[in-house]
């Protein structure tokens, strides 16, 4: 699979030259161009890993005031539980929201957020105590 018309490198990691000269081309290899970025070739269906249940320890909480609508959390979420609400922010920007029924609490979204608009909060703060 070619991502551009330049001469391909057969490698999965930028800067990895181990496969560049030796292995024959295969149709199922991902071809990476120097200086290019990786983009997902497919997106998981919402909840493709199943419902979370009650075992999640932390959940991501989005601060709409800080969110800049960059879509990085949406892009990197492994279970496609982030929904971008168009123009829902206080400044008219797109804002991330989380589908907690399927969110596993992995924290990837919080780690990739460039403005720290997503905070991982202990699940115990959301459990109603009777």
Protein backbone atom coordinates (compact mmCIF):
# COMPACT_ATOMS: atom_id res chain seq x y z
CA UNK A 1 0.00 0.00 0.00
CA UNK A 2 1.57 3.27 -1.08
CA UNK A 3 0.83 6.50 0.73
CA UNK A 4 2.55 8.73 -1.82
CA UNK A 5 4.38 8.59 -5.14
CA UNK A 6 7.90 9.06 -3.73
CA UNK A 7 10.30 6.11 -3.38
CA UNK A 8 8.96 4.02 -0.46
CA UNK A 9 10.71 2.77 2.63
CA UNK A 10 9.42 -0.58 3.84
CA UNK A 11 9.41 0.14 7.54
CA UNK A 12 6.93 0.54 10.34
CA UNK A 13 9.05 2.96 12.34
CA UNK A 14 10.41 6.32 11.20
CA UNK A 15 14.20 6.14 10.97
CA UNK A 16 14.22 2.32 10.85
CA UNK A 17 16.42 1.35 7.91
CA UNK A 18 16.59 -2.38 8.64
CA UNK A 19 13.92 -3.26 6.09
CA UNK A 20 14.69 -0.52 3.59
CA UNK A 21 17.19 -2.48 1.52
CA UNK A 22 16.61 -6.19 2.07
CA UNK A 23 13.06 -7.54 2.16
CA UNK A 24 10.96 -8.02 -0.96
CA UNK A 25 7.84 -5.89 -1.25
CA UNK A 26 4.61 -7.38 0.11
CA UNK A 27 1.12 -6.11 -0.57
CA UNK A 28 0.15 -6.03 3.10
CA UNK A 29 3.13 -3.92 4.26
CA UNK A 30 2.61 -0.35 5.33
CA UNK A 31 4.88 1.91 3.31
CA UNK A 32 6.23 4.91 5.17
CA UNK A 33 7.72 7.94 3.50
CA UNK A 34 10.49 9.87 5.27
CA UNK A 35 9.01 12.84 7.09
CA UNK A 36 5.44 11.60 6.72
CA UNK A 37 3.18 10.79 9.62
CA UNK A 38 1.24 7.65 10.43
CA UNK A 39 -2.52 7.88 10.04
CA UNK A 40 -5.01 5.15 10.90
CA UNK A 41 -6.14 3.20 7.88
CA UNK A 42 -9.36 2.25 9.65
CA UNK A 43 -11.26 3.34 12.73
CA UNK A 44 -12.73 0.93 15.25
CA UNK A 45 -16.50 0.69 15.45
CA UNK A 46 -17.92 2.31 18.59
CA UNK A 47 -17.66 -0.19 21.41
CA UNK A 48 -15.78 -2.72 19.30
CA UNK A 49 -14.04 -3.98 22.42
CA UNK A 50 -17.32 -4.40 24.33
CA UNK A 51 -19.01 -2.54 27.15
CA UNK A 52 -16.81 -1.51 30.03
CA UNK A 53 -18.87 -2.73 32.96
CA UNK A 54 -17.81 -1.75 36.46
CA UNK A 55 -14.09 -2.51 36.34
CA UNK A 56 -12.79 0.87 35.07
CA UNK A 57 -10.55 2.58 37.66
CA UNK A 58 -10.34 6.06 36.11
CA UNK A 59 -12.39 7.95 33.56
CA UNK A 60 -11.42 10.86 31.32
CA UNK A 61 -13.18 14.14 32.03
CA UNK A 62 -13.07 16.87 29.38
CA UNK A 63 -12.79 20.54 30.33
CA UNK A 64 -14.66 22.33 27.51
CA UNK A 65 -13.00 25.64 28.46
CA UNK A 66 -9.55 24.23 27.69
CA UNK A 67 -10.45 22.01 24.71
CA UNK A 68 -9.23 23.45 21.40
CA UNK A 69 -10.96 20.91 19.16
CA UNK A 70 -7.74 19.46 17.71
CA UNK A 71 -9.23 15.93 17.36
CA UNK A 72 -6.07 14.21 18.67
CA UNK A 73 -8.00 12.42 21.42
CA UNK A 74 -10.56 11.26 18.85
CA UNK A 75 -7.81 10.08 16.51
CA UNK A 76 -5.90 8.05 19.11
CA UNK A 77 -8.81 6.53 21.08
CA UNK A 78 -8.42 2.75 20.57
CA UNK A 79 -12.12 2.04 21.11
CA UNK A 80 -13.66 5.03 19.29
CA UNK A 81 -15.49 6.27 22.37
CA UNK A 82 -14.76 9.96 21.81
CA UNK A 83 -17.41 11.96 19.99
CA UNK A 84 -16.52 15.42 18.74
CA UNK A 85 -19.37 17.87 19.23
CA UNK A 86 -19.16 20.51 16.51
CA UNK A 87 -19.14 24.12 17.71
CA UNK A 88 -20.20 23.05 21.22
CA UNK A 89 -17.42 24.85 23.06
CA UNK A 90 -17.67 28.25 24.74
CA UNK A 91 -15.62 29.82 21.93
CA UNK A 92 -17.49 27.99 19.19
CA UNK A 93 -14.82 25.31 18.87
CA UNK A 94 -15.44 21.57 18.50
CA UNK A 95 -15.33 19.81 21.87
CA UNK A 96 -14.64 16.19 22.77
CA UNK A 97 -17.18 14.18 24.73
CA UNK A 98 -16.77 10.63 26.01
CA UNK A 99 -19.11 7.64 25.69
CA UNK A 100 -18.53 6.19 29.17
CA UNK A 101 -20.51 3.04 28.44
CA UNK A 102 -17.62 1.84 26.26
CA UNK A 103 -14.63 3.88 27.52
CA UNK A 104 -12.02 1.62 29.16
CA UNK A 105 -10.21 4.41 31.00
CA UNK A 106 -6.86 3.74 29.29
CA UNK A 107 -5.85 7.42 29.46
CA UNK A 108 -4.48 7.68 25.93
CA UNK A 109 -6.74 10.67 25.24
CA UNK A 110 -5.41 12.51 28.29
CA UNK A 111 -1.82 11.75 27.30
CA UNK A 112 -2.14 13.07 23.73
CA UNK A 113 -4.11 16.22 24.59
CA UNK A 114 -1.75 19.16 23.87
CA UNK A 115 -3.54 21.54 26.26
CA UNK A 116 -4.32 19.09 29.11
CA UNK A 117 -8.07 19.51 28.61
CA UNK A 118 -8.68 15.87 29.56
CA UNK A 119 -8.06 14.77 33.11
CA UNK A 120 -8.19 11.20 34.39
CA UNK A 121 -10.39 11.15 37.50
CA UNK A 122 -10.88 8.24 39.90
CA UNK A 123 -14.07 6.33 39.15
CA UNK A 124 -14.91 6.28 42.86
CA UNK A 125 -15.86 9.98 42.64
CA UNK A 126 -18.71 9.08 40.26
CA UNK A 127 -20.14 6.12 42.16
CA UNK A 128 -23.17 7.15 44.19
CA UNK A 129 -22.81 6.04 47.78
CA UNK A 130 -26.04 4.87 49.35
